[in-house]
Amino acid sequence: MKVCIPVEEDRGLESMPYNHFGSAPYFLIYDMEKGEIKAIKNEDLHHEHGMCQPLKALGGERVDAILVGGIGAGALMKLNNQGVKAYRVANETLINNLELLKKCQLPEFSVDNSCSNHDCGH
């Protein structure tokens, strides 16, 4: 499983997840089977509000899940249509959130609990 974690800065497994998918400067892609991590720049960072193109943002990188503090409904629907699930992170490091994901202890985002108009409490 490949997991994408939006971050402000790359500190590897000690990185802190970013609070909003579309405005994160970088994405860390973690391959849970191989234990490999790589950083990619957000290729859609300066999009208009509500116009996030998640696949463009990921530079074409295919992932199975997103771990993030918040995500807009439009981006979430586009990701879900590609079979990608998004999970709300705990306010902990990347490695801790990956462990919570393995234990099925991170709540999945739905359109009902996604961000709208940047008013999602993060």
N, C-alpha and C. Protein backbone atom coordinates (compact mmCIF):
# COMPACT_ATOMS: atom_id res chain seq x y z
N MET A 1 0.85 -1.18 0.00
CA MET A 1 0.00 0.00 0.00
C MET A 1 0.89 1.24 0.00
N LYS A 2 0.59 2.18 -0.89
CA LYS A 2 1.29 3.47 -0.91
C LYS A 2 0.40 4.52 -0.26
N VAL A 3 1.00 5.26 0.67
CA VAL A 3 0.28 6.27 1.44
C VAL A 3 0.91 7.63 1.18
N CYS A 4 0.08 8.63 0.96
CA CYS A 4 0.53 10.01 0.76
C CYS A 4 0.22 10.80 2.02
N ILE A 5 1.25 11.54 2.47
CA ILE A 5 1.07 12.40 3.63
C ILE A 5 1.52 13.81 3.26
N PRO A 6 0.59 14.77 3.18
CA PRO A 6 0.97 16.16 2.92
C PRO A 6 1.77 16.71 4.10
N VAL A 7 2.87 17.42 3.81
CA VAL A 7 3.71 17.98 4.86
C VAL A 7 4.19 19.37 4.46
N GLU A 8 4.59 20.15 5.46
CA GLU A 8 5.18 21.47 5.17
C GLU A 8 6.67 21.32 4.90
N GLU A 9 7.31 20.40 5.61
CA GLU A 9 8.72 20.15 5.37
C GLU A 9 9.01 18.66 5.53
N ASP A 10 9.99 18.19 4.76
CA ASP A 10 10.36 16.78 4.75
C ASP A 10 11.33 16.48 5.88
N ARG A 11 10.83 15.76 6.87
CA ARG A 11 11.65 15.26 7.97
C ARG A 11 11.53 13.75 8.04
N GLY A 12 11.26 13.15 6.88
CA GLY A 12 11.12 11.70 6.83
C GLY A 12 9.98 11.23 7.71
N LEU A 13 10.19 10.13 8.40
CA LEU A 13 9.14 9.55 9.24
C LEU A 13 8.81 10.39 10.46
N GLU A 14 9.65 11.39 10.76
CA GLU A 14 9.39 12.29 11.89
C GLU A 14 8.61 13.54 11.45
N SER A 15 8.23 13.61 10.18
CA SER A 15 7.46 14.75 9.67
C SER A 15 6.10 14.82 10.34
N MET A 16 5.59 16.03 10.42
CA MET A 16 4.24 16.24 10.94
C MET A 16 3.30 16.42 9.75
N PRO A 17 2.19 15.69 9.72
CA PRO A 17 1.23 15.87 8.62
C PRO A 17 0.68 17.29 8.59
N TYR A 18 0.44 17.78 7.38
CA TYR A 18 -0.07 19.12 7.16
C TYR A 18 -1.57 19.15 7.44
N ASN A 19 -2.10 20.35 7.72
CA ASN A 19 -3.52 20.44 8.10
C ASN A 19 -4.49 20.50 6.92
N HIS A 20 -3.99 20.66 5.67
CA HIS A 20 -4.93 20.71 4.55
C HIS A 20 -4.25 20.20 3.28
N PHE A 21 -4.86 19.26 2.61
CA PHE A 21 -4.26 18.60 1.45
C PHE A 21 -3.82 19.58 0.37
N GLY A 22 -4.72 20.40 -0.12
CA GLY A 22 -4.45 21.24 -1.29
C GLY A 22 -3.39 22.29 -1.11
N SER A 23 -3.16 22.74 0.13
CA SER A 23 -2.19 23.82 0.35
C SER A 23 -0.87 23.33 0.93
N ALA A 24 -0.66 22.03 0.98
CA ALA A 24 0.60 21.48 1.49
C ALA A 24 1.71 21.69 0.46
N PRO A 25 2.87 22.18 0.88
CA PRO A 25 3.97 22.39 -0.06
C PRO A 25 4.55 21.09 -0.63
N TYR A 26 4.53 20.03 0.18
CA TYR A 26 5.12 18.75 -0.24
C TYR A 26 4.22 17.58 0.14
N PHE A 27 4.45 16.48 -0.54
CA PHE A 27 3.80 15.22 -0.20
C PHE A 27 4.89 14.18 0.02
N LEU A 28 4.76 13.42 1.09
CA LEU A 28 5.64 12.27 1.29
C LEU A 28 4.85 11.05 0.86
N ILE A 29 5.46 10.23 0.05
CA ILE A 29 4.84 8.99 -0.41
C ILE A 29 5.57 7.86 0.30
N TYR A 30 4.83 7.11 1.10
CA TYR A 30 5.42 6.01 1.87
C TYR A 30 4.87 4.69 1.37
N ASP A 31 5.77 3.81 0.94
CA ASP A 31 5.41 2.48 0.49
C ASP A 31 5.48 1.56 1.70
N MET A 32 4.33 1.14 2.21
CA MET A 32 4.27 0.37 3.44
C MET A 32 4.87 -1.03 3.28
N GLU A 33 4.83 -1.59 2.09
CA GLU A 33 5.41 -2.92 1.88
C GLU A 33 6.94 -2.86 1.83
N LYS A 34 7.47 -1.85 1.15
CA LYS A 34 8.92 -1.74 0.97
C LYS A 34 9.60 -0.91 2.05
N GLY A 35 8.83 -0.12 2.82
CA GLY A 35 9.41 0.74 3.83
C GLY A 35 10.18 1.90 3.23
N GLU A 36 9.84 2.29 2.00
CA GLU A 36 10.53 3.37 1.31
C GLU A 36 9.69 4.65 1.35
N ILE A 37 10.37 5.78 1.42
CA ILE A 37 9.70 7.07 1.46
C ILE A 37 10.35 8.01 0.45
N LYS A 38 9.52 8.82 -0.20
CA LYS A 38 10.07 9.84 -1.09
C LYS A 38 9.20 11.09 -0.99
N ALA A 39 9.83 12.23 -1.25
CA ALA A 39 9.14 13.52 -1.20
C ALA A 39 8.91 14.02 -2.61
N ILE A 40 7.72 14.58 -2.84
CA ILE A 40 7.43 15.24 -4.11
C ILE A 40 6.82 16.60 -3.82
N LYS A 41 7.11 17.54 -4.69
CA LYS A 41 6.57 18.90 -4.56
C LYS A 41 5.12 18.92 -5.03
N ASN A 42 4.29 19.69 -4.34
CA ASN A 42 2.89 19.85 -4.74
C ASN A 42 2.84 20.61 -6.06
N GLU A 43 2.46 19.94 -7.12
CA GLU A 43 2.43 20.52 -8.46
C GLU A 43 1.17 21.34 -8.73
N ASP A 44 0.28 21.42 -7.73
CA ASP A 44 -0.97 22.17 -7.89
C ASP A 44 -1.17 23.13 -6.70
N LEU A 45 -0.07 23.57 -6.13
CA LEU A 45 -0.13 24.36 -4.89
C LEU A 45 -0.90 25.67 -5.04
N HIS A 46 -0.81 26.32 -6.18
CA HIS A 46 -1.41 27.64 -6.33
C HIS A 46 -2.72 27.61 -7.12
N HIS A 47 -3.55 26.61 -6.85
CA HIS A 47 -4.85 26.52 -7.52
C HIS A 47 -5.86 27.46 -6.85
N GLU A 48 -6.90 27.78 -7.58
CA GLU A 48 -7.98 28.59 -7.01
C GLU A 48 -8.75 27.74 -6.01
N HIS A 49 -9.35 28.41 -5.01
CA HIS A 49 -10.14 27.69 -4.01
C HIS A 49 -11.20 26.84 -4.69
N GLY A 50 -11.27 25.59 -4.28
CA GLY A 50 -12.27 24.67 -4.82
C GLY A 50 -11.87 24.03 -6.13
N MET A 51 -10.69 24.35 -6.65
CA MET A 51 -10.26 23.84 -7.95
C MET A 51 -9.08 22.88 -7.83
N CYS A 52 -8.88 22.28 -6.69
CA CYS A 52 -7.77 21.36 -6.47
C CYS A 52 -7.85 20.19 -7.44
N GLN A 53 -6.71 19.88 -8.03
CA GLN A 53 -6.57 18.73 -8.92
C GLN A 53 -5.61 17.75 -8.24
N PRO A 54 -6.13 16.84 -7.40
CA PRO A 54 -5.25 16.01 -6.59
C PRO A 54 -4.26 15.16 -7.38
N LEU A 55 -4.65 14.65 -8.53
CA LEU A 55 -3.71 13.84 -9.30
C LEU A 55 -2.60 14.70 -9.88
N LYS A 56 -2.91 15.94 -10.26
CA LYS A 56 -1.88 16.87 -10.70
C LYS A 56 -0.98 17.23 -9.52
N ALA A 57 -1.58 17.47 -8.37
CA ALA A 57 -0.81 17.82 -7.17
C ALA A 57 0.21 16.73 -6.84
N LEU A 58 -0.16 15.49 -7.07
CA LEU A 58 0.72 14.36 -6.76
C LEU A 58 1.69 14.04 -7.89
N GLY A 59 1.69 14.85 -8.92
CA GLY A 59 2.62 14.64 -10.02
C GLY A 59 2.43 13.30 -10.72
N GLY A 60 1.20 12.79 -10.70
CA GLY A 60 0.91 11.51 -11.35
C GLY A 60 1.23 10.29 -10.49
N GLU A 61 1.74 10.51 -9.30
CA GLU A 61 2.06 9.40 -8.40
C GLU A 61 0.77 8.70 -7.96
N ARG A 62 0.74 7.40 -8.06
CA ARG A 62 -0.44 6.62 -7.65
C ARG A 62 -0.31 6.23 -6.18
N VAL A 63 -1.37 6.50 -5.41
CA VAL A 63 -1.39 6.14 -4.00
C VAL A 63 -2.71 5.47 -3.67
N ASP A 64 -2.73 4.78 -2.54
CA ASP A 64 -3.94 4.09 -2.09
C ASP A 64 -4.68 4.86 -1.01
N ALA A 65 -3.94 5.71 -0.28
CA ALA A 65 -4.54 6.44 0.84
C ALA A 65 -3.82 7.77 1.05
N ILE A 66 -4.56 8.72 1.63
CA ILE A 66 -4.03 10.02 2.02
C ILE A 66 -4.24 10.16 3.52
N LEU A 67 -3.20 10.60 4.24
CA LEU A 67 -3.31 10.89 5.67
C LEU A 67 -3.11 12.38 5.85
N VAL A 68 -4.15 13.09 6.32
CA VAL A 68 -4.11 14.55 6.35
C VAL A 68 -5.03 15.09 7.43
N GLY A 69 -4.78 16.33 7.83
CA GLY A 69 -5.63 16.98 8.83
C GLY A 69 -6.97 17.44 8.28
N GLY A 70 -7.02 17.80 6.99
CA GLY A 70 -8.25 18.26 6.36
C GLY A 70 -8.15 18.19 4.85
N ILE A 71 -9.29 18.07 4.20
CA ILE A 71 -9.34 17.98 2.75
C ILE A 71 -10.70 18.48 2.28
N GLY A 72 -10.70 19.21 1.18
CA GLY A 72 -11.94 19.73 0.63
C GLY A 72 -12.77 18.63 -0.01
N ALA A 73 -14.07 18.86 -0.09
CA ALA A 73 -15.00 17.87 -0.64
C ALA A 73 -14.69 17.56 -2.10
N GLY A 74 -14.33 18.57 -2.88
CA GLY A 74 -14.04 18.35 -4.30
C GLY A 74 -12.84 17.45 -4.49
N ALA A 75 -11.75 17.74 -3.78
CA ALA A 75 -10.54 16.91 -3.87
C ALA A 75 -10.83 15.50 -3.37
N LEU A 76 -11.59 15.41 -2.28
CA LEU A 76 -11.93 14.10 -1.72
C LEU A 76 -12.72 13.27 -2.72
N MET A 77 -13.71 13.86 -3.38
CA MET A 77 -14.50 13.12 -4.36
C MET A 77 -13.63 12.67 -5.53
N LYS A 78 -12.73 13.53 -6.00
CA LYS A 78 -11.84 13.16 -7.11
C LYS A 78 -10.94 12.00 -6.71
N LEU A 79 -10.43 12.04 -5.49
CA LEU A 79 -9.58 10.95 -5.02
C LEU A 79 -10.38 9.66 -4.85
N ASN A 80 -11.55 9.77 -4.20
CA ASN A 80 -12.40 8.59 -4.01
C ASN A 80 -12.78 7.94 -5.33
N ASN A 81 -13.02 8.76 -6.36
CA ASN A 81 -13.35 8.22 -7.69
C ASN A 81 -12.20 7.44 -8.30
N GLN A 82 -10.99 7.68 -7.82
CA GLN A 82 -9.81 6.94 -8.29
C GLN A 82 -9.45 5.79 -7.33
N GLY A 83 -10.33 5.55 -6.35
CA GLY A 83 -10.10 4.46 -5.41
C GLY A 83 -9.20 4.82 -4.24
N VAL A 84 -8.95 6.12 -4.04
CA VAL A 84 -8.07 6.57 -2.96
C VAL A 84 -8.92 7.02 -1.78
N LYS A 85 -8.61 6.50 -0.59
CA LYS A 85 -9.30 6.90 0.63
C LYS A 85 -8.47 7.93 1.37
N ALA A 86 -9.14 8.83 2.08
CA ALA A 86 -8.45 9.84 2.88
C ALA A 86 -8.81 9.65 4.35
N TYR A 87 -7.79 9.75 5.20
CA TYR A 87 -7.97 9.54 6.63
C TYR A 87 -7.49 10.76 7.41
N ARG A 88 -8.22 11.09 8.48
CA ARG A 88 -7.87 12.21 9.34
C ARG A 88 -6.76 11.77 10.30
N VAL A 89 -5.66 12.52 10.28
CA VAL A 89 -4.52 12.18 11.12
C VAL A 89 -4.72 12.62 12.56
N ALA A 90 -3.98 11.96 13.43
CA ALA A 90 -3.84 12.42 14.81
C ALA A 90 -2.73 13.46 14.78
N ASN A 91 -2.68 14.33 15.75
CA ASN A 91 -1.66 15.38 15.80
C ASN A 91 -0.34 14.78 16.29
N GLU A 92 0.21 13.88 15.47
CA GLU A 92 1.42 13.14 15.80
C GLU A 92 2.28 13.02 14.56
N THR A 93 3.47 12.44 14.71
CA THR A 93 4.39 12.29 13.59
C THR A 93 3.86 11.30 12.56
N LEU A 94 4.48 11.35 11.41
CA LEU A 94 4.12 10.45 10.32
C LEU A 94 4.18 8.99 10.75
N ILE A 95 5.26 8.59 11.39
CA ILE A 95 5.41 7.19 11.79
C ILE A 95 4.29 6.76 12.74
N ASN A 96 3.89 7.64 13.67
CA ASN A 96 2.80 7.30 14.59
C ASN A 96 1.47 7.16 13.84
N ASN A 97 1.24 8.05 12.86
CA ASN A 97 0.00 7.96 12.09
C ASN A 97 -0.03 6.73 11.21
N LEU A 98 1.12 6.31 10.69
CA LEU A 98 1.17 5.07 9.91
C LEU A 98 0.81 3.87 10.78
N GLU A 99 1.28 3.88 12.02
CA GLU A 99 0.94 2.80 12.95
C GLU A 99 -0.56 2.80 13.24
N LEU A 100 -1.14 3.99 13.43
CA LEU A 100 -2.59 4.08 13.66
C LEU A 100 -3.36 3.58 12.45
N LEU A 101 -2.88 3.88 11.23
CA LEU A 101 -3.53 3.40 10.02
C LEU A 101 -3.50 1.87 9.98
N LYS A 102 -2.36 1.29 10.28
CA LYS A 102 -2.24 -0.18 10.29
C LYS A 102 -3.23 -0.81 11.25
N LYS A 103 -3.50 -0.13 12.36
CA LYS A 103 -4.43 -0.65 13.38
C LYS A 103 -5.87 -0.24 13.10
N CYS A 104 -6.11 0.40 11.94
CA CYS A 104 -7.46 0.88 11.57
C CYS A 104 -8.02 1.84 12.61
N GLN A 105 -7.17 2.73 13.12
CA GLN A 105 -7.59 3.67 14.15
C GLN A 105 -7.65 5.12 13.69
N LEU A 106 -7.57 5.35 12.37
CA LEU A 106 -7.74 6.70 11.84
C LEU A 106 -9.11 6.79 11.17
N PRO A 107 -9.90 7.83 11.48
CA PRO A 107 -11.22 7.96 10.85
C PRO A 107 -11.09 8.35 9.38
N GLU A 108 -11.93 7.74 8.56
CA GLU A 108 -11.94 8.06 7.14
C GLU A 108 -12.77 9.31 6.89
N PHE A 109 -12.27 10.19 6.00
CA PHE A 109 -13.03 11.36 5.61
C PHE A 109 -14.17 10.94 4.70
N SER A 110 -15.29 11.64 4.83
CA SER A 110 -16.40 11.53 3.89
C SER A 110 -16.74 12.95 3.45
N VAL A 111 -17.57 13.08 2.45
CA VAL A 111 -17.97 14.41 2.00
C VAL A 111 -18.60 15.19 3.16
N ASP A 112 -19.30 14.48 4.04
CA ASP A 112 -19.97 15.14 5.17
C ASP A 112 -19.02 15.71 6.21
N ASN A 113 -17.80 15.15 6.33
CA ASN A 113 -16.87 15.67 7.34
C ASN A 113 -15.61 16.26 6.70
N SER A 114 -15.71 16.64 5.43
CA SER A 114 -14.59 17.28 4.74
C SER A 114 -14.67 18.79 4.95
N CYS A 115 -13.64 19.49 4.51
CA CYS A 115 -13.61 20.95 4.64
C CYS A 115 -14.51 21.59 3.59
N SER A 116 -15.17 22.65 3.99
CA SER A 116 -15.91 23.46 3.01
C SER A 116 -15.63 24.92 3.33
N ASN A 117 -15.22 25.65 2.31
CA ASN A 117 -14.88 27.06 2.48
C ASN A 117 -13.82 27.29 3.55
N HIS A 118 -12.89 26.36 3.69
CA HIS A 118 -11.80 26.43 4.66
C HIS A 118 -12.31 26.62 6.08
N ASP A 119 -13.48 26.08 6.39
CA ASP A 119 -14.05 26.17 7.73
C ASP A 119 -14.23 24.75 8.26
N CYS A 120 -13.10 24.10 8.54
CA CYS A 120 -13.22 22.72 9.03
C CYS A 120 -12.51 22.54 10.37
N GLY A 121 -12.21 23.64 11.02
CA GLY A 121 -11.75 23.56 12.39
C GLY A 121 -10.30 23.16 12.58
N HIS A 122 -9.50 23.18 11.54
CA HIS A 122 -8.08 22.85 11.75
C HIS A 122 -7.22 24.08 11.65
